Amino acid sequence: RYEGLVSQPEHVTRDLCAYLGLGFNDAMTSASHENLKQFENELGEPHHQNLRKPISQENVGKGRAELSDDILARLAPIMDGALEATGYARCI
């Protein structure tokens, strides 16, 4: 889950790497200058600005909070089963 990744990035990334049969590298959870070189051309895009920042919990719940009750009601029949199956609250 996203919340786990942002609250315990190294632990969750290590678990994911183990599941995928990949080796873990400290750079995977670091926003160092060296790691960002590969994204040089894209970093000017507004939606990539968080790549420059360390992993943070500041966006947890942000998406749901920005959706109107009308949108949540329309999403409920489509999303509620998947939300419950992954430990999230239903849309409405």
Protein backbone atom coordinates (compact mmCIF):
# COMPACT_ATOMS: atom_id res chain seq x y z
CA ARG A 1 0.00 0.00 0.00
CA TYR A 2 1.04 3.58 -0.67
CA GLU A 3 0.83 4.49 3.02
CA GLY A 4 3.34 1.77 3.88
CA LEU A 5 5.68 2.82 1.11
CA VAL A 6 5.81 6.45 2.27
CA SER A 7 5.99 5.66 5.99
CA GLN A 8 8.59 2.86 5.71
CA PRO A 9 10.12 3.25 2.25
CA GLU A 10 13.19 1.07 2.76
CA HIS A 11 11.27 -1.78 4.39
CA VAL A 12 8.52 -1.84 1.76
CA THR A 13 11.00 -1.49 -1.12
CA ARG A 14 13.11 -4.35 0.27
CA ASP A 15 9.99 -6.54 0.51
CA LEU A 16 8.98 -5.64 -3.04
CA CYS A 17 12.47 -6.40 -4.36
CA ALA A 18 12.47 -9.76 -2.58
CA TYR A 19 9.05 -10.58 -4.05
CA LEU A 20 10.29 -9.68 -7.54
CA GLY A 21 13.59 -11.50 -7.08
CA LEU A 22 15.60 -8.28 -7.38
CA GLY A 23 18.44 -6.96 -5.28
CA PHE A 24 17.83 -3.90 -3.14
CA ASN A 25 19.97 -0.79 -3.63
CA ASP A 26 19.91 2.21 -1.25
CA ALA A 27 19.51 4.49 -4.27
CA MET A 28 16.00 3.09 -4.75
CA THR A 29 14.72 5.16 -1.84
CA SER A 30 16.93 8.21 -2.31
CA ALA A 31 16.18 11.40 -4.22
CA SER A 32 19.88 12.18 -4.61
CA HIS A 33 21.21 14.38 -7.39
CA GLU A 34 22.86 11.33 -9.00
CA ASN A 35 19.59 9.40 -9.11
CA LEU A 36 17.75 12.31 -10.70
CA LYS A 37 20.15 12.70 -13.65
CA GLN A 38 18.22 10.09 -15.63
CA PHE A 39 15.09 12.25 -15.36
CA GLU A 40 16.77 15.52 -16.33
CA ASN A 41 14.52 16.17 -19.35
CA GLU A 42 11.31 15.50 -17.44
CA LEU A 43 12.00 17.39 -14.21
CA GLY A 44 10.60 20.60 -15.65
CA GLU A 45 7.09 19.12 -15.71
CA PRO A 46 4.97 20.21 -12.71
CA HIS A 47 3.88 16.65 -11.93
CA HIS A 48 7.53 15.58 -11.57
CA GLN A 49 8.52 18.19 -8.98
CA ASN A 50 8.15 15.71 -6.09
CA LEU A 51 11.00 13.65 -7.57
CA ARG A 52 13.33 16.28 -6.13
CA LYS A 53 11.98 15.72 -2.60
CA PRO A 54 12.53 12.89 -0.15
CA ILE A 55 9.75 10.34 0.22
CA SER A 56 7.00 11.95 2.29
CA GLN A 57 3.63 11.14 3.82
CA GLU A 58 2.20 14.57 2.92
CA ASN A 59 0.02 13.23 0.09
CA VAL A 60 -1.62 10.35 1.98
CA GLY A 61 -5.39 10.71 1.56
CA LYS A 62 -5.05 13.74 -0.71
CA GLY A 63 -6.75 12.15 -3.73
CA ARG A 64 -9.85 11.06 -1.84
CA ALA A 65 -10.13 14.43 -0.12
CA GLU A 66 -10.16 16.21 -3.49
CA LEU A 67 -13.02 14.13 -4.94
CA SER A 68 -16.57 15.47 -4.65
CA ASP A 69 -19.35 13.39 -3.09
CA ASP A 70 -20.90 13.08 -6.57
CA ILE A 71 -17.70 11.63 -8.04
CA LEU A 72 -17.28 9.26 -5.08
CA ALA A 73 -20.88 8.05 -5.55
CA ARG A 74 -20.19 7.32 -9.23
CA LEU A 75 -16.93 5.52 -8.41
CA ALA A 76 -18.39 3.38 -5.63
CA PRO A 77 -19.88 0.60 -7.81
CA ILE A 78 -16.61 0.32 -9.72
CA MET A 79 -14.08 0.72 -6.91
CA ASP A 80 -15.57 -0.43 -3.60
CA GLY A 81 -14.73 -4.12 -4.02
CA ALA A 82 -11.09 -3.42 -4.87
CA LEU A 83 -10.80 -0.83 -2.09
CA GLU A 84 -12.10 -3.27 0.53
CA ALA A 85 -9.91 -6.10 -0.78
CA THR A 86 -6.81 -3.96 -0.32
CA GLY A 87 -7.73 -2.58 3.12
CA TYR A 88 -9.11 0.82 2.15
CA ALA A 89 -12.45 2.34 3.10
CA ARG A 90 -15.30 2.19 0.60
CA CYS A 91 -15.93 5.32 -1.55
CA ILE A 92 -19.11 6.23 0.30
